[in-house]
């Protein structure tokens, strides 16, 4: 039995309307986030972060590069997350650079010259800051970004050390939540650093969780 034309149009119009709604819910390209991230990385480079905060700048540049790749691939959600993280890492690089420049200027002003011929110049040394043993996760933090902090390890590729120190708390290395209190192992051994960098650099994309579990098993964890 043939349906009336009006019934046919109403039926298919509803389908098209629903399809339009679904299409309208798709995530738009993170244009603003990408622009902010690029400007933040450029700002970090302009204030000398390559010299004063190389790890933080490297982290920002790498996250921005990943965001560019995901944007090109059409993975807008990942691109947005990585762009936001790149912007925060770049802001951190700027803050570290500015703080170090102020410290250098202050130290230069504190140089004392003894009034004797050819007397040595005395430069006061600042007390070393104690290494942290815990870190409270902030919004938009990632293990990569935390590990890159100068106050933690100063190297983003050492993030597996944080996973190793918190195997019961971190169930997914790519998903940590704000207000988590992570244990930070101070003064890790060279062998632990080598194992962490090896895992971070060769960690796959589709088998990340399995590789993380394998990394932890070599230390008798999980």
C-alpha atoms as a PDB file:
ATOM      1  CA  UNK A   1       0.000   0.000   0.000  1.00  0.00           C
ATOM      2  CA  UNK A   2       1.464   3.394  -0.959  1.00  0.00           C
ATOM      3  CA  UNK A   3       1.670   6.076   1.708  1.00  0.00           C
ATOM      4  CA  UNK A   4       0.268   9.547   0.960  1.00  0.00           C
ATOM      5  CA  UNK A   5       2.904  12.023  -0.198  1.00  0.00           C
ATOM      6  CA  UNK A   6       2.358  14.208   2.871  1.00  0.00           C
ATOM      7  CA  UNK A   7       2.946  11.238   5.196  1.00  0.00           C
ATOM      8  CA  UNK A   8       6.119  10.338   3.286  1.00  0.00           C
ATOM      9  CA  UNK A   9       7.468  13.897   3.551  1.00  0.00           C
ATOM     10  CA  UNK A  10       6.653  14.162   7.255  1.00  0.00           C
ATOM     11  CA  UNK A  11       8.354  10.822   7.995  1.00  0.00           C
ATOM     12  CA  UNK A  12      11.517  11.652   6.077  1.00  0.00           C
ATOM     13  CA  UNK A  13      11.534  15.234   7.270  1.00  0.00           C
ATOM     14  CA  UNK A  14      11.700  13.995  10.859  1.00  0.00           C
ATOM     15  CA  UNK A  15      14.633  11.738   9.959  1.00  0.00           C
ATOM     16  CA  UNK A  16      16.467  14.642   8.316  1.00  0.00           C
ATOM     17  CA  UNK A  17      15.720  16.871  11.315  1.00  0.00           C
ATOM     18  CA  UNK A  18      17.139  14.276  13.743  1.00  0.00           C
ATOM     19  CA  UNK A  19      20.196  13.829  11.519  1.00  0.00           C
ATOM     20  CA  UNK A  20      20.700  17.568  11.558  1.00  0.00           C
ATOM     21  CA  UNK A  21      20.544  17.617  15.323  1.00  0.00           C
ATOM     22  CA  UNK A  22      23.126  14.847  15.563  1.00  0.00           C
ATOM     23  CA  UNK A  23      25.377  16.590  13.075  1.00  0.00           C
ATOM     24  CA  UNK A  24      24.981  19.855  14.984  1.00  0.00           C
ATOM     25  CA  UNK A  25      26.259  18.208  18.165  1.00  0.00           C
ATOM     26  CA  UNK A  26      29.604  17.352  16.563  1.00  0.00           C
ATOM     27  CA  UNK A  27      32.599  19.025  18.193  1.00  0.00           C
ATOM     28  CA  UNK A  28      33.733  22.073  16.258  1.00  0.00           C
ATOM     29  CA  UNK A  29      37.404  22.632  15.438  1.00  0.00           C
ATOM     30  CA  UNK A  30      39.106  24.213  18.505  1.00  0.00           C
ATOM     31  CA  UNK A  31      40.180  27.296  16.541  1.00  0.00           C
ATOM     32  CA  UNK A  32      40.448  29.623  19.536  1.00  0.00           C
ATOM     33  CA  UNK A  33      42.282  27.068  21.699  1.00  0.00           C
ATOM     34  CA  UNK A  34      44.793  26.385  18.926  1.00  0.00           C
ATOM     35  CA  UNK A  35      45.385  30.110  18.417  1.00  0.00           C
ATOM     36  CA  UNK A  36      45.882  30.652  22.168  1.00  0.00           C
ATOM     37  CA  UNK A  37      48.316  27.733  22.340  1.00  0.00           C
ATOM     38  CA  UNK A  38      50.389  29.010  19.405  1.00  0.00           C
ATOM     39  CA  UNK A  39      50.575  32.519  20.863  1.00  0.00           C
ATOM     40  CA  UNK A  40      51.536  31.156  24.295  1.00  0.00           C
ATOM     41  CA  UNK A  41      54.333  29.013  22.862  1.00  0.00           C
ATOM     42  CA  UNK A  42      55.623  31.985  20.846  1.00  0.00           C
ATOM     43  CA  UNK A  43      55.538  34.126  24.005  1.00  0.00           C
ATOM     44  CA  UNK A  44      57.539  31.484  25.907  1.00  0.00           C
ATOM     45  CA  UNK A  45      60.128  31.364  23.132  1.00  0.00           C
ATOM     46  CA  UNK A  46      60.397  35.168  23.098  1.00  0.00           C
ATOM     47  CA  UNK A  47      61.236  35.421  26.834  1.00  0.00           C
ATOM     48  CA  UNK A  48      64.116  32.958  26.620  1.00  0.00           C
ATOM     49  CA  UNK A  49      62.377  29.777  27.789  1.00  0.00           C
ATOM     50  CA  UNK A  50      64.714  27.743  25.572  1.00  0.00           C
ATOM     51  CA  UNK A  51      67.521  28.726  27.968  1.00  0.00           C
ATOM     52  CA  UNK A  52      65.714  29.085  31.285  1.00  0.00           C
ATOM     53  CA  UNK A  53      62.906  26.486  31.036  1.00  0.00           C
ATOM     54  CA  UNK A  54      63.839  24.047  28.243  1.00  0.00           C
ATOM     55  CA  UNK A  55      61.812  21.115  29.603  1.00  0.00           C
ATOM     56  CA  UNK A  56      58.616  23.146  29.990  1.00  0.00           C
ATOM     57  CA  UNK A  57      59.064  24.717  26.553  1.00  0.00           C
ATOM     58  CA  UNK A  58      59.748  21.316  24.986  1.00  0.00           C
ATOM     59  CA  UNK A  59      56.579  19.999  26.617  1.00  0.00           C
ATOM     60  CA  UNK A  60      54.539  22.926  25.268  1.00  0.00           C
ATOM     61  CA  UNK A  61      55.969  22.561  21.763  1.00  0.00           C
ATOM     62  CA  UNK A  62      55.377  18.799  21.699  1.00  0.00           C
ATOM     63  CA  UNK A  63      51.788  19.143  22.947  1.00  0.00           C
ATOM     64  CA  UNK A  64      51.122  21.838  20.346  1.00  0.00           C
ATOM     65  CA  UNK A  65      52.580  19.604  17.633  1.00  0.00           C
ATOM     66  CA  UNK A  66      50.315  16.734  18.735  1.00  0.00           C
ATOM     67  CA  UNK A  67      47.336  19.110  18.760  1.00  0.00           C
ATOM     68  CA  UNK A  68      48.177  20.212  15.205  1.00  0.00           C
ATOM     69  CA  UNK A  69      48.351  16.568  14.088  1.00  0.00           C
ATOM     70  CA  UNK A  70      45.024  15.679  15.760  1.00  0.00           C
ATOM     71  CA  UNK A  71      43.394  18.804  14.307  1.00  0.00           C
ATOM     72  CA  UNK A  72      44.573  17.775  10.846  1.00  0.00           C
ATOM     73  CA  UNK A  73      43.242  14.243  11.456  1.00  0.00           C
ATOM     74  CA  UNK A  74      39.848  15.601  12.511  1.00  0.00           C
ATOM     75  CA  UNK A  75      40.149  14.500  16.158  1.00  0.00           C
ATOM     76  CA  UNK A  76      38.954  17.844  17.520  1.00  0.00           C
ATOM     77  CA  UNK A  77      38.400  16.661  21.100  1.00  0.00           C
ATOM     78  CA  UNK A  78      41.993  15.463  21.512  1.00  0.00           C
ATOM     79  CA  UNK A  79      43.281  18.542  19.697  1.00  0.00           C
ATOM     80  CA  UNK A  80      41.407  20.787  22.099  1.00  0.00           C
ATOM     81  CA  UNK A  81      42.753  18.974  25.182  1.00  0.00           C
ATOM     82  CA  UNK A  82      46.321  19.073  23.888  1.00  0.00           C
ATOM     83  CA  UNK A  83      46.055  22.732  22.873  1.00  0.00           C
ATOM     84  CA  UNK A  84      44.888  23.676  26.367  1.00  0.00           C
ATOM     85  CA  UNK A  85      47.703  21.634  27.918  1.00  0.00           C
ATOM     86  CA  UNK A  86      50.224  23.244  25.530  1.00  0.00           C
ATOM     87  CA  UNK A  87      49.033  26.686  26.555  1.00  0.00           C
ATOM     88  CA  UNK A  88      49.414  25.846  30.256  1.00  0.00           C
ATOM     89  CA  UNK A  89      52.894  24.362  29.703  1.00  0.00           C
ATOM     90  CA  UNK A  90      53.892  27.504  27.788  1.00  0.00           C
ATOM     91  CA  UNK A  91      52.591  29.709  30.614  1.00  0.00           C
ATOM     92  CA  UNK A  92      54.668  27.623  33.015  1.00  0.00           C
ATOM     93  CA  UNK A  93      57.740  28.093  30.806  1.00  0.00           C
ATOM     94  CA  UNK A  94      57.198  31.864  30.838  1.00  0.00           C
ATOM     95  CA  UNK A  95      56.812  31.908  34.638  1.00  0.00           C
ATOM     96  CA  UNK A  96      59.959  29.817  35.155  1.00  0.00           C
ATOM     97  CA  UNK A  97      61.961  31.978  32.737  1.00  0.00           C
ATOM     98  CA  UNK A  98      60.876  35.212  34.358  1.00  0.00           C
ATOM     99  CA  UNK A  99      61.600  33.868  37.854  1.00  0.00           C
ATOM    100  CA  UNK A 100      65.069  32.697  36.847  1.00  0.00           C
ATOM    101  CA  UNK A 101      65.856  36.011  35.189  1.00  0.00           C
ATOM    102  CA  UNK A 102      64.854  37.865  38.360  1.00  0.00           C
ATOM    103  CA  UNK A 103      67.038  35.507  40.415  1.00  0.00           C
ATOM    104  CA  UNK A 104      69.998  36.071  38.110  1.00  0.00           C
ATOM    105  CA  UNK A 105      69.576  39.843  38.367  1.00  0.00           C
ATOM    106  CA  UNK A 106      69.313  39.620  42.158  1.00  0.00           C
ATOM    107  CA  UNK A 107      72.413  37.452  42.422  1.00  0.00           C
ATOM    108  CA  UNK A 108      74.333  39.879  40.214  1.00  0.00           C
ATOM    109  CA  UNK A 109      73.400  42.722  42.548  1.00  0.00           C
ATOM    110  CA  UNK A 110      74.529  40.701  45.599  1.00  0.00           C
ATOM    111  CA  UNK A 111      78.055  40.087  44.307  1.00  0.00           C
ATOM    112  CA  UNK A 112      80.509  41.421  46.883  1.00  0.00           C
ATOM    113  CA  UNK A 113      84.020  42.426  45.816  1.00  0.00           C
ATOM    114  CA  UNK A 114      86.636  42.468  48.607  1.00  0.00           C
ATOM    115  CA  UNK A 115      88.685  45.658  48.452  1.00  0.00           C
ATOM    116  CA  UNK A 116      92.034  43.994  47.867  1.00  0.00           C
ATOM    117  CA  UNK A 117      94.060  43.687  44.659  1.00  0.00           C
ATOM    118  CA  UNK A 118      92.985  40.686  42.624  1.00  0.00           C
ATOM    119  CA  UNK A 119      90.598  39.588  45.378  1.00  0.00           C
ATOM    120  CA  UNK A 120      88.202  36.780  44.412  1.00  0.00           C
ATOM    121  CA  UNK A 121      84.569  37.592  43.763  1.00  0.00           C
ATOM    122  CA  UNK A 122      82.166  36.028  46.234  1.00  0.00           C
ATOM    123  CA  UNK A 123      78.796  34.976  44.911  1.00  0.00           C
ATOM    124  CA  UNK A 124      76.353  33.912  47.633  1.00  0.00           C
ATOM    125  CA  UNK A 125      74.679  30.566  47.040  1.00  0.00           C
ATOM    126  CA  UNK A 126      70.976  30.138  47.617  1.00  0.00           C
ATOM    127  CA  UNK A 127      69.820  27.232  49.806  1.00  0.00           C
ATOM    128  CA  UNK A 128      68.581  24.288  47.786  1.00  0.00           C
ATOM    129  CA  UNK A 129      64.845  23.764  47.887  1.00  0.00           C
ATOM    130  CA  UNK A 130      63.757  20.383  49.265  1.00  0.00           C
ATOM    131  CA  UNK A 131      62.458  18.016  46.612  1.00  0.00           C
ATOM    132  CA  UNK A 132      58.688  17.463  46.797  1.00  0.00           C
ATOM    133  CA  UNK A 133      57.267  14.133  47.895  1.00  0.00           C
ATOM    134  CA  UNK A 134      53.629  14.807  46.956  1.00  0.00           C
ATOM    135  CA  UNK A 135      51.802  16.787  44.267  1.00  0.00           C
ATOM    136  CA  UNK A 136      48.136  17.826  44.187  1.00  0.00           C
ATOM    137  CA  UNK A 137      46.697  17.575  40.674  1.00  0.00           C
ATOM    138  CA  UNK A 138      45.272  20.773  39.202  1.00  0.00           C
ATOM    139  CA  UNK A 139      42.677  21.184  36.457  1.00  0.00           C
ATOM    140  CA  UNK A 140      44.089  20.322  32.995  1.00  0.00           C
ATOM    141  CA  UNK A 141      47.186  18.673  34.527  1.00  0.00           C
ATOM    142  CA  UNK A 142      48.654  15.637  32.773  1.00  0.00           C
ATOM    143  CA  UNK A 143      51.406  13.303  33.988  1.00  0.00           C
ATOM    144  CA  UNK A 144      53.548  14.618  31.116  1.00  0.00           C
ATOM    145  CA  UNK A 145      53.033  18.204  32.254  1.00  0.00           C
ATOM    146  CA  UNK A 146      53.577  17.443  35.953  1.00  0.00           C
ATOM    147  CA  UNK A 147      56.813  15.570  35.260  1.00  0.00           C
ATOM    148  CA  UNK A 148      58.074  18.497  33.162  1.00  0.00           C
ATOM    149  CA  UNK A 149      57.790  20.917  36.087  1.00  0.00           C
ATOM    150  CA  UNK A 150      61.196  22.088  37.309  1.00  0.00           C
ATOM    151  CA  UNK A 151      60.042  21.405  40.878  1.00  0.00           C
ATOM    152  CA  UNK A 152      59.275  17.750  40.026  1.00  0.00           C
ATOM    153  CA  UNK A 153      61.664  16.114  37.507  1.00  0.00           C
ATOM    154  CA  UNK A 154      62.164  18.841  34.896  1.00  0.00           C
ATOM    155  CA  UNK A 155      61.727  16.209  32.192  1.00  0.00           C
ATOM    156  CA  UNK A 156      58.329  15.297  30.683  1.00  0.00           C
ATOM    157  CA  UNK A 157      59.619  11.870  29.597  1.00  0.00           C
ATOM    158  CA  UNK A 158      59.963  10.834  33.267  1.00  0.00           C
ATOM    159  CA  UNK A 159      56.177  10.797  33.792  1.00  0.00           C
ATOM    160  CA  UNK A 160      56.151   6.953  34.124  1.00  0.00           C
ATOM    161  CA  UNK A 161      57.962   7.434  37.472  1.00  0.00           C
ATOM    162  CA  UNK A 162      54.784   9.110  38.780  1.00  0.00           C
ATOM    163  CA  UNK A 163      52.682   6.215  37.473  1.00  0.00           C
ATOM    164  CA  UNK A 164      55.071   3.767  39.152  1.00  0.00           C
ATOM    165  CA  UNK A 165      54.783   5.610  42.494  1.00  0.00           C
ATOM    166  CA  UNK A 166      50.951   5.642  42.334  1.00  0.00           C
ATOM    167  CA  UNK A 167      49.811   2.355  40.735  1.00  0.00           C
ATOM    168  CA  UNK A 168      46.756   2.003  42.991  1.00  0.00           C
ATOM    169  CA  UNK A 169      45.633   5.605  42.455  1.00  0.00           C
ATOM    170  CA  UNK A 170      46.251   6.004  38.718  1.00  0.00           C
ATOM    171  CA  UNK A 171      44.172   3.510  36.745  1.00  0.00           C
ATOM    172  CA  UNK A 172      44.623   5.296  33.417  1.00  0.00           C
ATOM    173  CA  UNK A 173      47.812   7.277  32.807  1.00  0.00           C
ATOM    174  CA  UNK A 174      45.960   9.444  30.280  1.00  0.00           C
ATOM    175  CA  UNK A 175      43.213  10.353  32.750  1.00  0.00           C
ATOM    176  CA  UNK A 176      44.078  11.917  36.098  1.00  0.00           C
ATOM    177  CA  UNK A 177      41.601  13.967  38.086  1.00  0.00           C
ATOM    178  CA  UNK A 178      41.922  17.337  39.869  1.00  0.00           C
ATOM    179  CA  UNK A 179      42.674  17.150  43.624  1.00  0.00           C
ATOM    180  CA  UNK A 180      44.395  13.766  43.331  1.00  0.00           C
ATOM    181  CA  UNK A 181      47.390  13.760  45.702  1.00  0.00           C
ATOM    182  CA  UNK A 182      50.211  11.967  43.898  1.00  0.00           C
ATOM    183  CA  UNK A 183      53.313  10.573  45.533  1.00  0.00           C
ATOM    184  CA  UNK A 184      56.520  11.875  43.938  1.00  0.00           C
ATOM    185  CA  UNK A 185      59.655   9.750  44.344  1.00  0.00           C
ATOM    186  CA  UNK A 186      62.624  12.073  44.955  1.00  0.00           C
ATOM    187  CA  UNK A 187      66.071  11.289  43.538  1.00  0.00           C
ATOM    188  CA  UNK A 188      65.088   8.338  41.289  1.00  0.00           C
ATOM    189  CA  UNK A 189      67.955   6.061  40.261  1.00  0.00           C
ATOM    190  CA  UNK A 190      69.503   6.285  36.810  1.00  0.00           C
ATOM    191  CA  UNK A 191      68.139   2.853  35.933  1.00  0.00           C
ATOM    192  CA  UNK A 192      64.601   3.933  36.902  1.00  0.00           C
ATOM    193  CA  UNK A 193      64.999   7.090  34.787  1.00  0.00           C
ATOM    194  CA  UNK A 194      66.204   5.081  31.799  1.00  0.00           C
ATOM    195  CA  UNK A 195      63.270   2.654  32.089  1.00  0.00           C
ATOM    196  CA  UNK A 196      60.810   5.561  32.389  1.00  0.00           C
ATOM    197  CA  UNK A 197      62.176   7.390  29.334  1.00  0.00           C
ATOM    198  CA  UNK A 198      62.223   4.171  27.312  1.00  0.00           C
ATOM    199  CA  UNK A 199      58.555   3.531  28.121  1.00  0.00           C
ATOM    200  CA  UNK A 200      57.492   7.144  27.495  1.00  0.00           C
ATOM    201  CA  UNK A 201      59.208   7.390  24.117  1.00  0.00           C
ATOM    202  CA  UNK A 202      58.019   4.088  22.683  1.00  0.00           C
ATOM    203  CA  UNK A 203      54.547   3.925  24.229  1.00  0.00           C
ATOM    204  CA  UNK A 204      52.014   3.068  21.531  1.00  0.00           C
ATOM    205  CA  UNK A 205      48.735   4.763  20.750  1.00  0.00           C
ATOM    206  CA  UNK A 206      46.230   1.898  20.640  1.00  0.00           C
ATOM    207  CA  UNK A 207      47.801  -0.291  23.334  1.00  0.00           C
ATOM    208  CA  UNK A 208      48.712   2.325  25.908  1.00  0.00           C
ATOM    209  CA  UNK A 209      47.033   0.696  28.901  1.00  0.00           C
ATOM    210  CA  UNK A 210      48.552  -2.715  28.134  1.00  0.00           C
ATOM    211  CA  UNK A 211      52.010  -1.183  27.778  1.00  0.00           C
ATOM    212  CA  UNK A 212      51.602   0.750  31.040  1.00  0.00           C
ATOM    213  CA  UNK A 213      50.650  -2.485  32.802  1.00  0.00           C
ATOM    214  CA  UNK A 214      53.702  -4.230  31.330  1.00  0.00           C
ATOM    215  CA  UNK A 215      55.915  -1.354  32.514  1.00  0.00           C
ATOM    216  CA  UNK A 216      54.580  -1.670  36.066  1.00  0.00           C
ATOM    217  CA  UNK A 217      54.901  -5.477  36.117  1.00  0.00           C
ATOM    218  CA  UNK A 218      58.657  -5.274  35.737  1.00  0.00           C
ATOM    219  CA  UNK A 219      58.684  -3.631  39.168  1.00  0.00           C
ATOM    220  CA  UNK A 220      56.290  -6.186  40.666  1.00  0.00           C
ATOM    221  CA  UNK A 221      53.330  -3.773  40.570  1.00  0.00           C
ATOM    222  CA  UNK A 222      49.732  -4.572  39.501  1.00  0.00           C
END
